[in-house]
Amino acid sequence: MDRKMANRKLIRLSQLKNKLATENLEEVDWVTFGVIVKKVTPQSTSNGRTFSIWRLNDLQDLNQCVSLFLFGDVHKEHWKTDQGTV
C-alpha cells in the first residue's frame, strides 16, 4: 500500500466537497477510499441503457456520502458488488 500511495494525496470522501471548493485537484495526484453503504436497484435510461447508483462513505461522517453512477462496461462488470465492499 505504501508503494501504491507514494506521491499521492489521500482525501477522505467526507472532505471531498470542501477540497473541490478550495483546491485545484486537477493538479494533484489524489486518491480516496469509500465503502458502499447503499446500492440502488439498477435503473434504465430513456434509451434503454442500464446503470447503477452506489452511495459511498468513508465511515468518518455518515452524513457525507458521494453518489457514484456506473454506466456501460463498468456497470456490467461491477453491478453485483456487495454493499459493504471497500
C-alpha atoms as a PDB file:
ATOM      1  CA  MET A   1       0.000   0.000   0.000  1.00  0.00           C
ATOM      2  CA  ASP A   2       2.879   2.356   0.772  1.00  0.00           C
ATOM      3  CA  ARG A   3       4.225   1.851  -2.748  1.00  0.00           C
ATOM      4  CA  LYS A   4       0.816   2.498  -4.348  1.00  0.00           C
ATOM      5  CA  MET A   5       0.299   5.659  -2.263  1.00  0.00           C
ATOM      6  CA  ALA A   6       3.769   7.121  -2.876  1.00  0.00           C
ATOM      7  CA  ASN A   7       3.485  10.735  -4.099  1.00  0.00           C
ATOM      8  CA  ARG A   8      -0.311  10.656  -3.834  1.00  0.00           C
ATOM      9  CA  LYS A   9      -2.560  12.656  -1.545  1.00  0.00           C
ATOM     10  CA  LEU A  10      -5.292  10.880   0.415  1.00  0.00           C
ATOM     11  CA  ILE A  11      -8.552  12.823   0.512  1.00  0.00           C
ATOM     12  CA  ARG A  12     -11.332  11.371   2.638  1.00  0.00           C
ATOM     13  CA  LEU A  13     -14.742  11.208   0.968  1.00  0.00           C
ATOM     14  CA  SER A  14     -16.162  13.317   3.794  1.00  0.00           C
ATOM     15  CA  GLN A  15     -13.616  16.043   2.883  1.00  0.00           C
ATOM     16  CA  LEU A  16     -14.091  15.838  -0.886  1.00  0.00           C
ATOM     17  CA  LYS A  17     -16.723  18.564  -1.285  1.00  0.00           C
ATOM     18  CA  ASN A  18     -14.642  21.046   0.719  1.00  0.00           C
ATOM     19  CA  LYS A  19     -11.424  20.116  -1.111  1.00  0.00           C
ATOM     20  CA  LEU A  20     -13.093  20.540  -4.516  1.00  0.00           C
ATOM     21  CA  ALA A  21     -14.229  24.021  -3.497  1.00  0.00           C
ATOM     22  CA  THR A  22     -10.874  25.154  -2.093  1.00  0.00           C
ATOM     23  CA  GLU A  23      -8.183  23.326  -4.093  1.00  0.00           C
ATOM     24  CA  ASN A  24      -7.428  22.648  -7.731  1.00  0.00           C
ATOM     25  CA  LEU A  25      -7.380  18.851  -7.574  1.00  0.00           C
ATOM     26  CA  GLU A  26      -6.614  18.553 -11.275  1.00  0.00           C
ATOM     27  CA  GLU A  27      -3.026  19.432 -10.407  1.00  0.00           C
ATOM     28  CA  VAL A  28      -2.742  16.826  -7.630  1.00  0.00           C
ATOM     29  CA  ASP A  29      -2.444  13.038  -7.848  1.00  0.00           C
ATOM     30  CA  TRP A  30      -5.043  12.124  -5.245  1.00  0.00           C
ATOM     31  CA  VAL A  31      -6.947   9.044  -4.153  1.00  0.00           C
ATOM     32  CA  THR A  32      -9.932   8.330  -1.991  1.00  0.00           C
ATOM     33  CA  PHE A  33     -11.463   5.242  -0.432  1.00  0.00           C
ATOM     34  CA  GLY A  34     -15.108   4.514   0.177  1.00  0.00           C
ATOM     35  CA  VAL A  35     -17.428   1.847   1.435  1.00  0.00           C
ATOM     36  CA  ILE A  36     -20.606   1.057  -0.496  1.00  0.00           C
ATOM     37  CA  VAL A  37     -23.230   1.953   2.102  1.00  0.00           C
ATOM     38  CA  LYS A  38     -26.233   1.785  -0.223  1.00  0.00           C
ATOM     39  CA  LYS A  39     -26.969   0.365  -3.648  1.00  0.00           C
ATOM     40  CA  VAL A  40     -29.967   1.402  -5.704  1.00  0.00           C
ATOM     41  CA  THR A  41     -31.590  -1.274  -7.870  1.00  0.00           C
ATOM     42  CA  PRO A  42     -30.170  -0.957 -11.405  1.00  0.00           C
ATOM     43  CA  GLN A  43     -32.080   1.599 -13.484  1.00  0.00           C
ATOM     44  CA  SER A  44     -32.587   2.128 -17.213  1.00  0.00           C
ATOM     45  CA  THR A  45     -32.106   5.340 -19.153  1.00  0.00           C
ATOM     46  CA  SER A  46     -34.706   6.525 -21.665  1.00  0.00           C
ATOM     47  CA  ASN A  47     -32.669   4.862 -24.442  1.00  0.00           C
ATOM     48  CA  GLY A  48     -32.595   1.530 -22.589  1.00  0.00           C
ATOM     49  CA  ARG A  49     -29.045   1.623 -21.205  1.00  0.00           C
ATOM     50  CA  THR A  50     -28.788   0.121 -17.713  1.00  0.00           C
ATOM     51  CA  PHE A  51     -26.828   1.796 -14.926  1.00  0.00           C
ATOM     52  CA  SER A  52     -26.266   1.510 -11.190  1.00  0.00           C
ATOM     53  CA  ILE A  53     -26.018   4.062  -8.400  1.00  0.00           C
ATOM     54  CA  TRP A  54     -23.881   3.463  -5.333  1.00  0.00           C
ATOM     55  CA  ARG A  55     -23.715   5.681  -2.253  1.00  0.00           C
ATOM     56  CA  LEU A  56     -20.199   5.715  -0.823  1.00  0.00           C
ATOM     57  CA  ASN A  57     -18.992   6.813   2.604  1.00  0.00           C
ATOM     58  CA  ASP A  58     -15.633   6.874   4.405  1.00  0.00           C
ATOM     59  CA  LEU A  59     -17.201   5.906   7.771  1.00  0.00           C
ATOM     60  CA  GLN A  60     -15.877   9.116   9.354  1.00  0.00           C
ATOM     61  CA  ASP A  61     -19.032  11.176   8.829  1.00  0.00           C
ATOM     62  CA  LEU A  62     -22.097   9.091   7.972  1.00  0.00           C
ATOM     63  CA  ASN A  63     -23.941  12.227   6.786  1.00  0.00           C
ATOM     64  CA  GLN A  64     -21.418  12.847   3.991  1.00  0.00           C
ATOM     65  CA  CYS A  65     -21.966  10.417   1.097  1.00  0.00           C
ATOM     66  CA  VAL A  66     -20.919  10.511  -2.529  1.00  0.00           C
ATOM     67  CA  SER A  67     -23.158   9.078  -5.238  1.00  0.00           C
ATOM     68  CA  LEU A  68     -21.323   7.093  -7.882  1.00  0.00           C
ATOM     69  CA  PHE A  69     -23.083   6.337 -11.174  1.00  0.00           C
ATOM     70  CA  LEU A  70     -21.871   3.256 -13.068  1.00  0.00           C
ATOM     71  CA  PHE A  71     -22.570   3.005 -16.809  1.00  0.00           C
ATOM     72  CA  GLY A  72     -21.549   0.746 -19.697  1.00  0.00           C
ATOM     73  CA  ASP A  73     -18.812  -1.813 -19.123  1.00  0.00           C
ATOM     74  CA  VAL A  74     -18.220  -0.569 -15.561  1.00  0.00           C
ATOM     75  CA  HIS A  75     -21.864  -1.260 -14.697  1.00  0.00           C
ATOM     76  CA  LYS A  76     -21.740  -4.698 -16.380  1.00  0.00           C
ATOM     77  CA  GLU A  77     -18.579  -5.678 -14.522  1.00  0.00           C
ATOM     78  CA  HIS A  78     -19.425  -4.322 -11.054  1.00  0.00           C
ATOM     79  CA  TRP A  79     -23.207  -4.134 -10.573  1.00  0.00           C
ATOM     80  CA  LYS A  80     -23.225  -7.276  -8.409  1.00  0.00           C
ATOM     81  CA  THR A  81     -20.618  -5.892  -5.986  1.00  0.00           C
ATOM     82  CA  ASP A  82     -21.911  -6.315  -2.435  1.00  0.00           C
ATOM     83  CA  GLN A  83     -22.944  -3.476  -0.175  1.00  0.00           C
ATOM     84  CA  GLY A  84     -20.218  -3.050   2.468  1.00  0.00           C
ATOM     85  CA  THR A  85     -17.396  -3.541  -0.032  1.00  0.00           C
ATOM     86  CA  VAL A  86     -14.496  -1.076   0.111  1.00  0.00           C
END
